[in-house]
Amino acid sequence: MPNKMIEIIKKHIKENLLVYFVVVLCFLIGVSVGAFTVKVVDPHQKQELVSYLRGFFQLFDENQLKTSAIFSESIKNNIQLLVFNWILGLLIILVPVVLVVIGFKGFVIGFTVALLLDEFKFYGVLLFLFGVLPQNIIIIPAFVMGAVISLSFALMIIKVKINKIKNFNYSKQFFVYSIIHLSLVGVMLVAAMLESFILPFFIRLIVRYMG
């Protein structure tokens, strides 16, 4: 079963290689723009953001952030974007917005990481390694795959309309499309559990040494 799943994934990537390239490129552009923005943002606004981050870290140190609150916030933020991607794929004409969504996700990550590294130096690296990277190793591939699935589904429907294919089983394709997105929701749940139950321990430890 695992081997069959790997073969299916390999086939999917091979068939949608160009779409994956475009999606990953948009994500990387978002990361680059986010990282660059930290350098050009107004110093006063930057200081406000840093103060907010310090206050946020203080909540970790004082155990004022409940695990359930972190979990629900992570789920809400990530699943909302996935559902949005799912809807855009169905609307066909608005599917290019999927690239904007993945670019925005990249921007947020790029900006956050650049701000941590720029302001907290060594501790910023530790916060990145133990507070940002682990869950994003799961979240980013899931978002990339979700974006590709939405784009490829919309392109498939467009081809069907243009070529006037009569025996196309829309219900079956819609079911597969929705099941894949539902599976990605499950992946987001795993990432949220990691972010809320395991990583706060490391963040708390780093923040205490930051002083």
N, C-alpha and C. Protein backbone atom coordinates (compact mmCIF):
# COMPACT_ATOMS: atom_id res chain seq x y z
N MET A 1 0.82 -1.22 0.00
CA MET A 1 0.00 0.00 0.00
C MET A 1 0.85 1.28 0.00
N PRO A 2 1.89 1.36 0.88
CA PRO A 2 2.75 2.56 0.84
C PRO A 2 3.44 2.74 -0.50
N ASN A 3 3.90 1.62 -1.11
CA ASN A 3 4.57 1.69 -2.41
C ASN A 3 3.62 2.18 -3.50
N LYS A 4 2.38 1.72 -3.43
CA LYS A 4 1.37 2.15 -4.41
C LYS A 4 1.11 3.65 -4.27
N MET A 5 1.05 4.11 -3.00
CA MET A 5 0.81 5.52 -2.73
C MET A 5 1.96 6.37 -3.27
N ILE A 6 3.19 5.89 -3.08
CA ILE A 6 4.38 6.59 -3.58
C ILE A 6 4.34 6.69 -5.11
N GLU A 7 3.93 5.60 -5.75
CA GLU A 7 3.83 5.59 -7.22
C GLU A 7 2.79 6.59 -7.71
N ILE A 8 1.66 6.66 -7.00
CA ILE A 8 0.58 7.60 -7.37
C ILE A 8 1.09 9.04 -7.25
N ILE A 9 1.81 9.32 -6.15
CA ILE A 9 2.35 10.67 -5.92
C ILE A 9 3.36 11.03 -7.00
N LYS A 10 4.24 10.06 -7.32
CA LYS A 10 5.26 10.28 -8.37
C LYS A 10 4.60 10.59 -9.71
N LYS A 11 3.56 9.83 -10.03
CA LYS A 11 2.84 10.02 -11.28
C LYS A 11 2.17 11.39 -11.32
N HIS A 12 1.57 11.76 -10.17
CA HIS A 12 0.90 13.07 -10.05
C HIS A 12 1.89 14.21 -10.27
N ILE A 13 3.07 14.12 -9.64
CA ILE A 13 4.09 15.17 -9.77
C ILE A 13 4.59 15.25 -11.21
N LYS A 14 4.82 14.08 -11.82
CA LYS A 14 5.31 14.04 -13.20
C LYS A 14 4.31 14.68 -14.16
N GLU A 15 3.03 14.40 -13.96
CA GLU A 15 1.98 14.92 -14.84
C GLU A 15 1.74 16.42 -14.64
N ASN A 16 2.11 16.92 -13.45
CA ASN A 16 1.84 18.33 -13.13
C ASN A 16 3.13 19.09 -12.81
N LEU A 17 4.22 18.67 -13.44
CA LEU A 17 5.53 19.24 -13.14
C LEU A 17 5.57 20.76 -13.37
N LEU A 18 5.00 21.20 -14.47
CA LEU A 18 4.99 22.64 -14.79
C LEU A 18 4.18 23.42 -13.76
N VAL A 19 3.04 22.86 -13.36
CA VAL A 19 2.18 23.53 -12.36
C VAL A 19 2.92 23.62 -11.03
N TYR A 20 3.61 22.53 -10.66
CA TYR A 20 4.40 22.55 -9.42
C TYR A 20 5.49 23.61 -9.48
N PHE A 21 6.13 23.73 -10.64
CA PHE A 21 7.18 24.73 -10.82
C PHE A 21 6.63 26.14 -10.60
N VAL A 22 5.50 26.43 -11.20
CA VAL A 22 4.88 27.77 -11.09
C VAL A 22 4.47 28.05 -9.64
N VAL A 23 3.87 27.05 -8.98
CA VAL A 23 3.41 27.22 -7.59
C VAL A 23 4.60 27.45 -6.66
N VAL A 24 5.63 26.62 -6.79
CA VAL A 24 6.83 26.76 -5.94
C VAL A 24 7.51 28.09 -6.20
N LEU A 25 7.54 28.52 -7.47
CA LEU A 25 8.14 29.80 -7.82
C LEU A 25 7.39 30.95 -7.15
N CYS A 26 6.06 30.90 -7.18
CA CYS A 26 5.24 31.94 -6.54
C CYS A 26 5.48 31.96 -5.03
N PHE A 27 5.62 30.77 -4.44
CA PHE A 27 5.89 30.68 -3.00
C PHE A 27 7.25 31.30 -2.68
N LEU A 28 8.27 30.97 -3.46
CA LEU A 28 9.62 31.49 -3.23
C LEU A 28 9.70 33.00 -3.45
N ILE A 29 8.94 33.50 -4.42
CA ILE A 29 8.86 34.95 -4.65
C ILE A 29 8.25 35.62 -3.42
N GLY A 30 7.21 35.00 -2.88
CA GLY A 30 6.57 35.51 -1.66
C GLY A 30 7.54 35.56 -0.49
N VAL A 31 8.32 34.48 -0.32
CA VAL A 31 9.32 34.41 0.75
C VAL A 31 10.35 35.52 0.57
N SER A 32 10.84 35.71 -0.67
CA SER A 32 11.85 36.72 -0.96
C SER A 32 11.34 38.13 -0.69
N VAL A 33 10.11 38.40 -1.13
CA VAL A 33 9.50 39.72 -0.91
C VAL A 33 9.30 39.97 0.58
N GLY A 34 8.86 38.93 1.29
CA GLY A 34 8.66 39.04 2.74
C GLY A 34 9.95 39.35 3.47
N ALA A 35 11.03 38.65 3.09
CA ALA A 35 12.35 38.87 3.71
C ALA A 35 12.88 40.26 3.38
N PHE A 36 12.67 40.71 2.14
CA PHE A 36 13.14 42.04 1.72
C PHE A 36 12.37 43.15 2.43
N THR A 37 11.08 42.92 2.65
CA THR A 37 10.22 43.93 3.30
C THR A 37 10.73 44.29 4.69
N VAL A 38 11.29 43.32 5.39
CA VAL A 38 11.84 43.58 6.74
C VAL A 38 12.93 44.65 6.67
N LYS A 39 13.70 44.65 5.57
CA LYS A 39 14.81 45.60 5.42
C LYS A 39 14.33 47.02 5.12
N VAL A 40 13.16 47.13 4.48
CA VAL A 40 12.69 48.46 4.04
C VAL A 40 11.53 49.00 4.88
N VAL A 41 11.02 48.20 5.80
CA VAL A 41 9.88 48.65 6.61
C VAL A 41 10.30 49.82 7.50
N ASP A 42 9.36 50.70 7.77
CA ASP A 42 9.61 51.87 8.62
C ASP A 42 10.14 51.43 10.00
N PRO A 43 11.24 52.04 10.49
CA PRO A 43 11.84 51.64 11.77
C PRO A 43 10.86 51.65 12.93
N HIS A 44 9.96 52.63 12.94
CA HIS A 44 8.96 52.71 14.03
C HIS A 44 8.01 51.52 13.98
N GLN A 45 7.55 51.18 12.77
CA GLN A 45 6.66 50.03 12.61
C GLN A 45 7.38 48.73 12.95
N LYS A 46 8.66 48.67 12.56
CA LYS A 46 9.46 47.49 12.86
C LYS A 46 9.60 47.30 14.37
N GLN A 47 9.82 48.40 15.07
CA GLN A 47 9.97 48.34 16.52
C GLN A 47 8.67 47.88 17.19
N GLU A 48 7.56 48.32 16.63
CA GLU A 48 6.25 47.89 17.15
C GLU A 48 6.07 46.39 16.97
N LEU A 49 6.48 45.88 15.81
CA LEU A 49 6.38 44.44 15.54
C LEU A 49 7.28 43.64 16.48
N VAL A 50 8.48 44.16 16.72
CA VAL A 50 9.41 43.49 17.63
C VAL A 50 8.85 43.48 19.05
N SER A 51 8.27 44.61 19.46
CA SER A 51 7.65 44.69 20.79
C SER A 51 6.51 43.69 20.93
N TYR A 52 5.74 43.56 19.83
CA TYR A 52 4.64 42.59 19.83
C TYR A 52 5.19 41.17 19.98
N LEU A 53 6.28 40.87 19.24
CA LEU A 53 6.89 39.55 19.31
C LEU A 53 7.41 39.26 20.72
N ARG A 54 8.07 40.25 21.31
CA ARG A 54 8.59 40.07 22.67
C ARG A 54 7.46 39.80 23.67
N GLY A 55 6.36 40.53 23.49
CA GLY A 55 5.19 40.32 24.35
C GLY A 55 4.60 38.93 24.15
N PHE A 56 4.59 38.50 22.89
CA PHE A 56 4.08 37.17 22.55
C PHE A 56 4.95 36.08 23.18
N PHE A 57 6.28 36.25 23.08
CA PHE A 57 7.20 35.29 23.67
C PHE A 57 7.07 35.27 25.20
N GLN A 58 6.79 36.44 25.77
CA GLN A 58 6.62 36.54 27.22
C GLN A 58 5.44 35.69 27.69
N LEU A 59 4.41 35.66 26.85
CA LEU A 59 3.23 34.83 27.17
C LEU A 59 3.61 33.35 27.22
N PHE A 60 4.50 32.95 26.33
CA PHE A 60 5.01 31.57 26.34
C PHE A 60 5.77 31.31 27.65
N ASP A 61 6.65 32.25 27.97
CA ASP A 61 7.49 32.09 29.16
C ASP A 61 6.66 32.00 30.44
N GLU A 62 5.56 32.73 30.46
CA GLU A 62 4.72 32.76 31.66
C GLU A 62 3.58 31.74 31.62
N ASN A 63 3.61 30.87 30.60
CA ASN A 63 2.58 29.83 30.44
C ASN A 63 1.16 30.39 30.37
N GLN A 64 1.03 31.56 29.75
CA GLN A 64 -0.29 32.19 29.64
C GLN A 64 -1.03 31.80 28.35
N LEU A 65 -0.30 31.12 27.48
CA LEU A 65 -0.94 30.66 26.23
C LEU A 65 -1.38 29.21 26.39
N LYS A 66 -2.66 28.99 26.28
CA LYS A 66 -3.19 27.63 26.41
C LYS A 66 -2.91 26.83 25.14
N THR A 67 -2.61 25.56 25.34
CA THR A 67 -2.35 24.66 24.21
C THR A 67 -3.55 24.62 23.26
N SER A 68 -4.73 24.59 23.83
CA SER A 68 -5.97 24.53 23.02
C SER A 68 -6.12 25.78 22.16
N ALA A 69 -5.71 26.95 22.70
CA ALA A 69 -5.82 28.21 21.95
C ALA A 69 -4.85 28.22 20.78
N ILE A 70 -3.61 27.74 21.00
CA ILE A 70 -2.61 27.66 19.92
C ILE A 70 -3.10 26.69 18.84
N PHE A 71 -3.63 25.55 19.28
CA PHE A 71 -4.12 24.52 18.35
C PHE A 71 -5.25 25.06 17.47
N SER A 72 -6.24 25.69 18.11
CA SER A 72 -7.40 26.20 17.36
C SER A 72 -7.01 27.32 16.41
N GLU A 73 -6.06 28.18 16.83
CA GLU A 73 -5.61 29.28 15.97
C GLU A 73 -4.87 28.75 14.75
N SER A 74 -4.02 27.75 14.97
CA SER A 74 -3.26 27.13 13.88
C SER A 74 -4.21 26.47 12.88
N ILE A 75 -5.17 25.73 13.41
CA ILE A 75 -6.16 25.05 12.56
C ILE A 75 -6.97 26.06 11.76
N LYS A 76 -7.43 27.11 12.44
CA LYS A 76 -8.26 28.12 11.79
C LYS A 76 -7.51 28.78 10.63
N ASN A 77 -6.29 29.23 10.89
CA ASN A 77 -5.51 29.94 9.87
C ASN A 77 -5.21 29.08 8.66
N ASN A 78 -4.75 27.85 8.90
CA ASN A 78 -4.33 26.98 7.80
C ASN A 78 -5.49 26.37 7.04
N ILE A 79 -6.52 25.95 7.76
CA ILE A 79 -7.65 25.31 7.09
C ILE A 79 -8.47 26.33 6.30
N GLN A 80 -8.56 27.56 6.80
CA GLN A 80 -9.26 28.60 6.04
C GLN A 80 -8.64 28.80 4.66
N LEU A 81 -7.30 28.81 4.61
CA LEU A 81 -6.62 28.99 3.33
C LEU A 81 -6.82 27.77 2.42
N LEU A 82 -6.83 26.58 3.02
CA LEU A 82 -7.06 25.36 2.23
C LEU A 82 -8.47 25.35 1.63
N VAL A 83 -9.44 25.71 2.45
CA VAL A 83 -10.84 25.76 1.99
C VAL A 83 -10.98 26.80 0.88
N PHE A 84 -10.29 27.93 1.05
CA PHE A 84 -10.31 29.00 0.05
C PHE A 84 -9.75 28.48 -1.28
N ASN A 85 -8.64 27.72 -1.20
CA ASN A 85 -8.05 27.10 -2.39
C ASN A 85 -9.03 26.15 -3.07
N TRP A 86 -9.72 25.35 -2.25
CA TRP A 86 -10.70 24.39 -2.76
C TRP A 86 -11.81 25.11 -3.52
N ILE A 87 -12.30 26.20 -2.95
CA ILE A 87 -13.36 26.99 -3.59
C ILE A 87 -12.87 27.60 -4.90
N LEU A 88 -11.66 28.16 -4.88
CA LEU A 88 -11.10 28.79 -6.08
C LEU A 88 -10.97 27.80 -7.23
N GLY A 89 -10.58 26.56 -6.90
CA GLY A 89 -10.48 25.52 -7.92
C GLY A 89 -11.81 25.21 -8.57
N LEU A 90 -12.87 25.29 -7.79
CA LEU A 90 -14.22 25.02 -8.30
C LEU A 90 -14.76 26.18 -9.14
N LEU A 91 -14.34 27.39 -8.80
CA LEU A 91 -14.85 28.57 -9.50
C LEU A 91 -14.19 28.76 -10.87
N ILE A 92 -13.14 27.99 -11.12
CA ILE A 92 -12.42 27.95 -12.41
C ILE A 92 -11.82 29.31 -12.80
N ILE A 93 -12.66 30.30 -13.04
CA ILE A 93 -12.19 31.59 -13.54
C ILE A 93 -11.32 32.33 -12.52
N LEU A 94 -11.53 32.02 -11.24
CA LEU A 94 -10.77 32.69 -10.18
C LEU A 94 -9.57 31.87 -9.71
N VAL A 95 -9.32 30.75 -10.37
CA VAL A 95 -8.25 29.85 -9.92
C VAL A 95 -6.85 30.49 -9.89
N PRO A 96 -6.54 31.51 -10.75
CA PRO A 96 -5.22 32.14 -10.64
C PRO A 96 -4.95 32.78 -9.26
N VAL A 97 -6.03 33.08 -8.54
CA VAL A 97 -5.89 33.67 -7.20
C VAL A 97 -5.16 32.68 -6.26
N VAL A 98 -5.22 31.39 -6.60
CA VAL A 98 -4.50 30.36 -5.83
C VAL A 98 -3.01 30.72 -5.74
N LEU A 99 -2.46 31.25 -6.81
CA LEU A 99 -1.05 31.64 -6.85
C LEU A 99 -0.79 32.82 -5.91
N VAL A 100 -1.78 33.70 -5.80
CA VAL A 100 -1.68 34.84 -4.88
C VAL A 100 -1.67 34.33 -3.44
N VAL A 101 -2.54 33.34 -3.16
CA VAL A 101 -2.63 32.76 -1.82
C VAL A 101 -1.31 32.11 -1.41
N ILE A 102 -0.73 31.33 -2.31
CA ILE A 102 0.53 30.64 -1.98
C ILE A 102 1.67 31.66 -1.86
N GLY A 103 1.60 32.72 -2.67
CA GLY A 103 2.59 33.80 -2.57
C GLY A 103 2.47 34.53 -1.24
N PHE A 104 1.23 34.74 -0.80
CA PHE A 104 0.97 35.40 0.49
C PHE A 104 1.51 34.55 1.64
N LYS A 105 1.29 33.23 1.55
CA LYS A 105 1.81 32.32 2.57
C LYS A 105 3.33 32.40 2.64
N GLY A 106 3.96 32.46 1.49
CA GLY A 106 5.41 32.61 1.42
C GLY A 106 5.86 33.94 2.01
N PHE A 107 5.12 35.00 1.72
CA PHE A 107 5.44 36.34 2.24
C PHE A 107 5.43 36.34 3.77
N VAL A 108 4.40 35.75 4.36
CA VAL A 108 4.26 35.72 5.83
C VAL A 108 5.44 34.97 6.45
N ILE A 109 5.78 33.82 5.87
CA ILE A 109 6.90 33.03 6.39
C ILE A 109 8.22 33.78 6.23
N GLY A 110 8.45 34.35 5.04
CA GLY A 110 9.68 35.09 4.77
C GLY A 110 9.85 36.29 5.69
N PHE A 111 8.76 37.02 5.89
CA PHE A 111 8.80 38.21 6.75
C PHE A 111 9.07 37.81 8.20
N THR A 112 8.36 36.77 8.68
CA THR A 112 8.52 36.32 10.07
C THR A 112 9.94 35.85 10.34
N VAL A 113 10.47 35.02 9.46
CA VAL A 113 11.82 34.47 9.66
C VAL A 113 12.86 35.57 9.58
N ALA A 114 12.73 36.47 8.60
CA ALA A 114 13.70 37.57 8.45
C ALA A 114 13.68 38.49 9.68
N LEU A 115 12.49 38.75 10.22
CA LEU A 115 12.37 39.60 11.40
C LEU A 115 13.03 38.94 12.62
N LEU A 116 12.81 37.64 12.77
CA LEU A 116 13.42 36.90 13.88
C LEU A 116 14.95 36.93 13.79
N LEU A 117 15.47 36.67 12.60
CA LEU A 117 16.92 36.62 12.40
C LEU A 117 17.55 38.01 12.54
N ASP A 118 16.85 39.01 12.02
CA ASP A 118 17.37 40.38 12.04
C ASP A 118 17.41 40.96 13.45
N GLU A 119 16.41 40.66 14.22
CA GLU A 119 16.27 41.26 15.55
C GLU A 119 16.91 40.45 16.67
N PHE A 120 16.76 39.13 16.60
CA PHE A 120 17.19 38.29 17.72
C PHE A 120 18.48 37.50 17.45
N LYS A 121 19.03 37.67 16.24
CA LYS A 121 20.32 37.06 15.89
C LYS A 121 20.38 35.55 16.21
N PHE A 122 21.27 35.15 17.10
CA PHE A 122 21.45 33.72 17.43
C PHE A 122 20.15 33.10 17.95
N TYR A 123 19.46 33.83 18.85
CA TYR A 123 18.21 33.31 19.39
C TYR A 123 17.13 33.27 18.31
N GLY A 124 17.25 34.17 17.34
CA GLY A 124 16.32 34.14 16.20
C GLY A 124 16.48 32.88 15.38
N VAL A 125 17.74 32.45 15.22
CA VAL A 125 18.03 31.19 14.51
C VAL A 125 17.40 30.02 15.26
N LEU A 126 17.57 30.02 16.59
CA LEU A 126 16.99 28.94 17.41
C LEU A 126 15.47 28.94 17.34
N LEU A 127 14.89 30.14 17.39
CA LEU A 127 13.41 30.25 17.30
C LEU A 127 12.91 29.76 15.94
N PHE A 128 13.70 30.05 14.91
CA PHE A 128 13.34 29.56 13.58
C PHE A 128 13.41 28.04 13.51
N LEU A 129 14.51 27.48 14.03
CA LEU A 129 14.72 26.03 13.97
C LEU A 129 13.73 25.23 14.81
N PHE A 130 13.35 25.80 15.96
CA PHE A 130 12.50 25.04 16.88
C PHE A 130 11.08 25.60 17.03
N GLY A 131 10.83 26.78 16.43
CA GLY A 131 9.50 27.36 16.57
C GLY A 131 8.74 27.58 15.28
N VAL A 132 9.49 27.68 14.17
CA VAL A 132 8.86 27.98 12.87
C VAL A 132 9.03 26.83 11.87
N LEU A 133 10.25 26.31 11.78
CA LEU A 133 10.57 25.31 10.76
C LEU A 133 9.81 23.99 10.88
N PRO A 134 9.76 23.37 12.09
CA PRO A 134 9.18 22.01 12.16
C PRO A 134 7.77 21.87 11.59
N GLN A 135 6.84 22.75 12.00
CA GLN A 135 5.47 22.62 11.49
C GLN A 135 5.37 23.00 10.02
N ASN A 136 6.26 23.94 9.59
CA ASN A 136 6.21 24.37 8.19
C ASN A 136 6.78 23.34 7.22
N ILE A 137 7.59 22.42 7.74
CA ILE A 137 8.05 21.29 6.91
C ILE A 137 6.84 20.45 6.48
N ILE A 138 5.79 20.47 7.30
CA ILE A 138 4.55 19.75 6.99
C ILE A 138 3.58 20.65 6.23
N ILE A 139 3.43 21.90 6.72
CA ILE A 139 2.42 22.82 6.18
C ILE A 139 2.72 23.25 4.74
N ILE A 140 3.97 23.62 4.46
CA ILE A 140 4.31 24.16 3.13
C ILE A 140 4.07 23.15 2.01
N PRO A 141 4.58 21.88 2.12
CA PRO A 141 4.27 20.91 1.05
C PRO A 141 2.77 20.67 0.89
N ALA A 142 2.03 20.70 2.00
CA ALA A 142 0.57 20.51 1.93
C ALA A 142 -0.09 21.65 1.17
N PHE A 143 0.35 22.88 1.43
CA PHE A 143 -0.20 24.04 0.71
C PHE A 143 0.18 24.02 -0.76
N VAL A 144 1.42 23.64 -1.04
CA VAL A 144 1.87 23.56 -2.43
C VAL A 144 1.04 22.53 -3.19
N MET A 145 0.86 21.36 -2.57
CA MET A 145 0.05 20.31 -3.20
C MET A 145 -1.40 20.75 -3.38
N GLY A 146 -1.95 21.41 -2.36
CA GLY A 146 -3.33 21.92 -2.45
C GLY A 146 -3.49 22.90 -3.60
N ALA A 147 -2.50 23.79 -3.76
CA ALA A 147 -2.54 24.78 -4.84
C ALA A 147 -2.45 24.10 -6.20
N VAL A 148 -1.57 23.11 -6.31
CA VAL A 148 -1.41 22.37 -7.57
C VAL A 148 -2.69 21.61 -7.92
N ILE A 149 -3.29 20.97 -6.92
CA ILE A 149 -4.53 20.21 -7.14
C ILE A 149 -5.64 21.14 -7.63
N SER A 150 -5.75 22.32 -7.00
CA SER A 150 -6.79 23.29 -7.40
C SER A 150 -6.57 23.77 -8.83
N LEU A 151 -5.32 24.10 -9.16
CA LEU A 151 -5.00 24.58 -10.51
C LEU A 151 -5.19 23.48 -11.56
N SER A 152 -4.73 22.28 -11.27
CA SER A 152 -4.85 21.18 -12.24
C SER A 152 -6.30 20.78 -12.45
N PHE A 153 -7.11 20.84 -11.37
CA PHE A 153 -8.54 20.54 -11.49
C PHE A 153 -9.22 21.55 -12.41
N ALA A 154 -8.94 22.84 -12.18
CA ALA A 154 -9.54 23.90 -13.01
C ALA A 154 -9.09 23.77 -14.46
N LEU A 155 -7.81 23.47 -14.69
CA LEU A 155 -7.30 23.30 -16.06
C LEU A 155 -7.94 22.11 -16.75
N MET A 156 -8.19 21.03 -15.98
CA MET A 156 -8.85 19.85 -16.53
C MET A 156 -10.27 20.18 -16.99
N ILE A 157 -10.99 20.93 -16.16
CA ILE A 157 -12.37 21.33 -16.51
C ILE A 157 -12.37 22.22 -17.73
N ILE A 158 -11.41 23.14 -17.83
CA ILE A 158 -11.30 24.03 -18.99
C ILE A 158 -11.06 23.22 -20.27
N LYS A 159 -10.16 22.23 -20.18
CA LYS A 159 -9.88 21.37 -21.34
C LYS A 159 -11.13 20.60 -21.77
N VAL A 160 -11.89 20.12 -20.78
CA VAL A 160 -13.12 19.38 -21.07
C VAL A 160 -14.12 20.28 -21.80
N LYS A 161 -14.23 21.52 -21.35
CA LYS A 161 -15.17 22.48 -21.97
C LYS A 161 -14.72 22.83 -23.39
N ILE A 162 -13.42 23.09 -23.55
CA ILE A 162 -12.90 23.47 -24.87
C ILE A 162 -13.04 22.34 -25.88
N ASN A 163 -12.67 21.12 -25.43
CA ASN A 163 -12.71 19.95 -26.33
C ASN A 163 -14.09 19.30 -26.41
N LYS A 164 -15.03 19.84 -25.60
CA LYS A 164 -16.43 19.35 -25.58
C LYS A 164 -16.51 17.84 -25.36
N ILE A 165 -15.79 17.39 -24.35
CA ILE A 165 -15.79 15.96 -24.01
C ILE A 165 -17.11 15.61 -23.35
N LYS A 166 -17.82 14.63 -23.91
CA LYS A 166 -19.18 14.34 -23.45
C LYS A 166 -19.21 13.32 -22.31
N ASN A 167 -18.29 12.37 -22.30
CA ASN A 167 -18.34 11.30 -21.30
C ASN A 167 -17.50 11.59 -20.05
N PHE A 168 -17.22 12.86 -19.81
CA PHE A 168 -16.42 13.25 -18.64
C PHE A 168 -17.26 13.09 -17.37
N ASN A 169 -16.71 12.38 -16.39
CA ASN A 169 -17.41 12.13 -15.13
C ASN A 169 -17.05 13.22 -14.11
N TYR A 170 -17.81 14.30 -14.16
CA TYR A 170 -17.53 15.45 -13.28
C TYR A 170 -17.68 15.07 -11.81
N SER A 171 -18.71 14.29 -11.49
CA SER A 171 -18.98 13.91 -10.09
C SER A 171 -17.81 13.15 -9.48
N LYS A 172 -17.25 12.23 -10.26
CA LYS A 172 -16.11 11.44 -9.79
C LYS A 172 -14.89 12.33 -9.54
N GLN A 173 -14.61 13.24 -10.49
CA GLN A 173 -13.45 14.13 -10.37
C GLN A 173 -13.63 15.11 -9.19
N PHE A 174 -14.86 15.57 -9.01
CA PHE A 174 -15.15 16.47 -7.89
C PHE A 174 -14.93 15.74 -6.57
N PHE A 175 -15.34 14.48 -6.51
CA PHE A 175 -15.17 13.67 -5.30
C PHE A 175 -13.69 13.49 -4.98
N VAL A 176 -12.90 13.12 -6.00
CA VAL A 176 -11.45 12.93 -5.82
C VAL A 176 -10.80 14.24 -5.38
N TYR A 177 -11.18 15.32 -6.04
CA TYR A 177 -10.66 16.67 -5.74
C TYR A 177 -10.93 17.04 -4.28
N SER A 178 -12.15 16.78 -3.83
CA SER A 178 -12.55 17.12 -2.46
C SER A 178 -11.87 16.21 -1.43
N ILE A 179 -11.74 14.92 -1.77
CA ILE A 179 -11.10 13.96 -0.85
C ILE A 179 -9.62 14.33 -0.62
N ILE A 180 -8.95 14.74 -1.69
CA ILE A 180 -7.53 15.14 -1.56
C ILE A 180 -7.41 16.34 -0.62
N HIS A 181 -8.29 17.33 -0.80
CA HIS A 181 -8.26 18.51 0.07
C HIS A 181 -8.59 18.13 1.52
N LEU A 182 -9.51 17.18 1.67
CA LEU A 182 -9.86 16.71 3.01
C LEU A 182 -8.66 16.01 3.66
N SER A 183 -7.90 15.27 2.86
CA SER A 183 -6.69 14.61 3.36
C SER A 183 -5.66 15.64 3.80
N LEU A 184 -5.58 16.74 3.05
CA LEU A 184 -4.65 17.81 3.41
C LEU A 184 -5.05 18.49 4.70
N VAL A 185 -6.36 18.54 4.96
CA VAL A 185 -6.85 19.05 6.25
C VAL A 185 -6.30 18.17 7.38
N GLY A 186 -6.29 16.86 7.15
CA GLY A 186 -5.73 15.92 8.13
C GLY A 186 -4.26 16.19 8.38
N VAL A 187 -3.53 16.53 7.30
CA VAL A 187 -2.11 16.87 7.43
C VAL A 187 -1.94 18.13 8.28
N MET A 188 -2.83 19.11 8.07
CA MET A 188 -2.79 20.35 8.85
C MET A 188 -3.06 20.08 10.34
N LEU A 189 -3.88 19.10 10.61
CA LEU A 189 -4.15 18.73 12.01
C LEU A 189 -2.87 18.22 12.68
N VAL A 190 -2.10 17.43 11.95
CA VAL A 190 -0.82 16.92 12.47
C VAL A 190 0.12 18.08 12.76
N ALA A 191 0.21 19.03 11.81
CA ALA A 191 1.08 20.20 11.98
C ALA A 191 0.64 21.04 13.17
N ALA A 192 -0.69 21.18 13.35
CA ALA A 192 -1.23 21.96 14.46
C ALA A 192 -0.91 21.30 15.80
N MET A 193 -0.96 19.98 15.82
CA MET A 193 -0.61 19.25 17.05
C MET A 193 0.86 19.46 17.41
N LEU A 194 1.71 19.41 16.41
CA LEU A 194 3.13 19.65 16.63
C LEU A 194 3.37 21.07 17.14
N GLU A 195 2.68 22.03 16.51
CA GLU A 195 2.84 23.44 16.85
C GLU A 195 2.32 23.77 18.25
N SER A 196 1.29 23.08 18.69
CA SER A 196 0.66 23.43 19.97
C SER A 196 1.08 22.56 21.15
N PHE A 197 1.48 21.30 20.89
CA PHE A 197 1.79 20.39 22.00
C PHE A 197 3.29 20.17 22.24
N ILE A 198 4.10 20.35 21.20
CA ILE A 198 5.53 20.04 21.33
C ILE A 198 6.42 21.29 21.26
N LEU A 199 6.23 22.12 20.23
CA LEU A 199 7.12 23.26 20.01
C LEU A 199 7.10 24.32 21.11
N PRO A 200 5.94 24.58 21.78
CA PRO A 200 5.95 25.59 22.85
C PRO A 200 6.99 25.32 23.93
N PHE A 201 7.29 24.05 24.19
CA PHE A 201 8.31 23.70 25.19
C PHE A 201 9.66 24.28 24.80
N PHE A 202 10.04 24.12 23.52
CA PHE A 202 11.33 24.63 23.03
C PHE A 202 11.34 26.16 22.98
N ILE A 203 10.22 26.75 22.55
CA ILE A 203 10.13 28.22 22.50
C ILE A 203 10.29 28.80 23.90
N ARG A 204 9.62 28.18 24.86
CA ARG A 204 9.69 28.63 26.26
C ARG A 204 11.14 28.58 26.76
N LEU A 205 11.83 27.53 26.42
CA LEU A 205 13.22 27.34 26.85
C LEU A 205 14.12 28.42 26.23
N ILE A 206 13.96 28.68 24.95
CA ILE A 206 14.78 29.69 24.25
C ILE A 206 14.50 31.08 24.80
N VAL A 207 13.22 31.40 25.02
CA VAL A 207 12.82 32.72 25.50
C VAL A 207 13.42 33.01 26.88
N ARG A 208 13.49 32.01 27.71
CA ARG A 208 14.06 32.20 29.05
C ARG A 208 15.54 32.59 28.99
N TYR A 209 16.27 32.03 28.03
CA TYR A 209 17.68 32.38 27.88
C TYR A 209 17.87 33.73 27.18
N MET A 210 16.84 34.15 26.41
CA MET A 210 16.91 35.44 25.73
C MET A 210 16.95 36.60 26.72
N GLY A 211 16.25 36.39 27.87
CA GLY A 211 16.24 37.42 28.90
C GLY A 211 15.26 38.54 28.58
